[in-house]
Structure formats: structure tokens, C-alpha cells
Amino acid sequence: KQREEEKTAYSLDDIVAQMQKPINYTQSDGRLVRFYEQRAFITDKNDVIITIVDRDTPKADWKEGEG
């Protein structure tokens, strides 16, 4: 039996607070990642949010530091 995916709601305050934190990872495609408290905000170079992902650990192919 498949596990049901949990959907997480994000308040505007949550989003603003996360976006004020420094970028701490980069993806191989050049996207920037703010990964804090098991939540990753992935943005383009202009800080436009591409996606928000809940995950326990950083993705293996993320490079530490701002690129």
C-alpha cells in the first residue's frame, strides 16, 4: 500500500523568513538553495522561487555554499 503524501501549507511569513536566510547550497543547474529546518527553497539567480521541498537531508548533488 502506498503512503499518502502529506501536503504542507506555507504562510507568507514562513516564505519571507526563509527567503531572508542566506543561500547555503547550489544545484548543478545553477539554481540556488536555502535549506533550513528540513525545508528547501530552490530559486533562480533572481530569487524567483522555483519550488519548495520538504526533505530530511540536503540532496546528495547539492554543492555547499553560494555559487
C-alpha atoms as a PDB file:
ATOM      1  CA  LYS A   1       0.000   0.000   0.000  1.00  0.00           C
ATOM      2  CA  GLN A   2       1.398   3.393  -0.998  1.00  0.00           C
ATOM      3  CA  ARG A   3       1.934   6.038   1.615  1.00  0.00           C
ATOM      4  CA  GLU A   4      -0.197   9.137   1.172  1.00  0.00           C
ATOM      5  CA  GLU A   5       1.855  12.246   0.544  1.00  0.00           C
ATOM      6  CA  GLU A   6       1.432  14.950   3.131  1.00  0.00           C
ATOM      7  CA  LYS A   7       0.882  18.454   1.801  1.00  0.00           C
ATOM      8  CA  THR A   8       2.427  21.263   3.813  1.00  0.00           C
ATOM      9  CA  ALA A   9       0.935  24.730   3.780  1.00  0.00           C
ATOM     10  CA  TYR A  10       3.337  27.652   3.869  1.00  0.00           C
ATOM     11  CA  SER A  11       2.311  31.003   5.272  1.00  0.00           C
ATOM     12  CA  LEU A  12       3.589  34.215   3.747  1.00  0.00           C
ATOM     13  CA  ASP A  13       5.570  34.786   6.964  1.00  0.00           C
ATOM     14  CA  ASP A  14       7.241  31.356   6.558  1.00  0.00           C
ATOM     15  CA  ILE A  15       8.215  32.167   2.984  1.00  0.00           C
ATOM     16  CA  VAL A  16       9.541  35.644   3.791  1.00  0.00           C
ATOM     17  CA  ALA A  17      11.566  34.324   6.754  1.00  0.00           C
ATOM     18  CA  GLN A  18      13.160  31.539   4.683  1.00  0.00           C
ATOM     19  CA  MET A  19      13.970  33.878   1.792  1.00  0.00           C
ATOM     20  CA  GLN A  20      15.819  36.221   4.183  1.00  0.00           C
ATOM     21  CA  LYS A  21      18.236  33.425   5.121  1.00  0.00           C
ATOM     22  CA  PRO A  22      21.480  33.067   3.171  1.00  0.00           C
ATOM     23  CA  ILE A  23      21.809  30.695   0.239  1.00  0.00           C
ATOM     24  CA  ASN A  24      23.707  27.679   1.533  1.00  0.00           C
ATOM     25  CA  TYR A  25      23.678  25.249  -1.439  1.00  0.00           C
ATOM     26  CA  THR A  26      23.699  25.321  -5.232  1.00  0.00           C
ATOM     27  CA  GLN A  27      22.380  22.784  -7.713  1.00  0.00           C
ATOM     28  CA  SER A  28      24.301  21.598 -10.784  1.00  0.00           C
ATOM     29  CA  ASP A  29      21.842  23.536 -12.985  1.00  0.00           C
ATOM     30  CA  GLY A  30      22.809  26.798 -11.255  1.00  0.00           C
ATOM     31  CA  ARG A  31      19.681  27.098  -9.140  1.00  0.00           C
ATOM     32  CA  LEU A  32      20.216  28.355  -5.602  1.00  0.00           C
ATOM     33  CA  VAL A  33      19.027  26.573  -2.462  1.00  0.00           C
ATOM     34  CA  ARG A  34      18.154  27.801   1.009  1.00  0.00           C
ATOM     35  CA  PHE A  35      17.943  24.613   3.074  1.00  0.00           C
ATOM     36  CA  TYR A  36      16.918  25.162   6.700  1.00  0.00           C
ATOM     37  CA  GLU A  37      14.761  23.201   9.145  1.00  0.00           C
ATOM     38  CA  GLN A  38      14.124  20.367   6.663  1.00  0.00           C
ATOM     39  CA  ARG A  39      12.781  22.770   4.050  1.00  0.00           C
ATOM     40  CA  ALA A  40      14.487  23.686   0.783  1.00  0.00           C
ATOM     41  CA  PHE A  41      13.592  26.795  -1.186  1.00  0.00           C
ATOM     42  CA  ILE A  42      15.021  26.486  -4.677  1.00  0.00           C
ATOM     43  CA  THR A  43      15.308  29.742  -6.604  1.00  0.00           C
ATOM     44  CA  ASP A  44      16.778  31.099  -9.792  1.00  0.00           C
ATOM     45  CA  LYS A  45      19.555  33.715  -9.762  1.00  0.00           C
ATOM     46  CA  ASN A  46      16.901  36.480  -9.478  1.00  0.00           C
ATOM     47  CA  ASP A  47      15.443  34.962  -6.267  1.00  0.00           C
ATOM     48  CA  VAL A  48      12.305  33.759  -8.042  1.00  0.00           C
ATOM     49  CA  ILE A  49      11.107  30.659  -6.180  1.00  0.00           C
ATOM     50  CA  ILE A  50      11.073  27.618  -8.463  1.00  0.00           C
ATOM     51  CA  THR A  51       9.944  25.098  -5.860  1.00  0.00           C
ATOM     52  CA  ILE A  52       9.710  24.421  -2.143  1.00  0.00           C
ATOM     53  CA  VAL A  53      10.589  20.932  -0.966  1.00  0.00           C
ATOM     54  CA  ASP A  54      10.391  19.307   2.459  1.00  0.00           C
ATOM     55  CA  ARG A  55      13.278  16.854   2.929  1.00  0.00           C
ATOM     56  CA  ASP A  56      15.247  15.403   5.828  1.00  0.00           C
ATOM     57  CA  THR A  57      18.737  15.994   4.453  1.00  0.00           C
ATOM     58  CA  PRO A  58      20.351  18.040   1.693  1.00  0.00           C
ATOM     59  CA  LYS A  59      20.263  16.433  -1.744  1.00  0.00           C
ATOM     60  CA  ALA A  60      23.457  14.479  -2.475  1.00  0.00           C
ATOM     61  CA  ASP A  61      24.304  16.512  -5.584  1.00  0.00           C
ATOM     62  CA  TRP A  62      23.893  19.930  -3.946  1.00  0.00           C
ATOM     63  CA  LYS A  63      27.166  21.799  -3.560  1.00  0.00           C
ATOM     64  CA  GLU A  64      27.656  23.649  -0.274  1.00  0.00           C
ATOM     65  CA  GLY A  65      27.975  27.410  -0.454  1.00  0.00           C
ATOM     66  CA  GLU A  66      26.609  30.035  -2.798  1.00  0.00           C
ATOM     67  CA  GLY A  67      27.707  29.521  -6.382  1.00  0.00           C
END
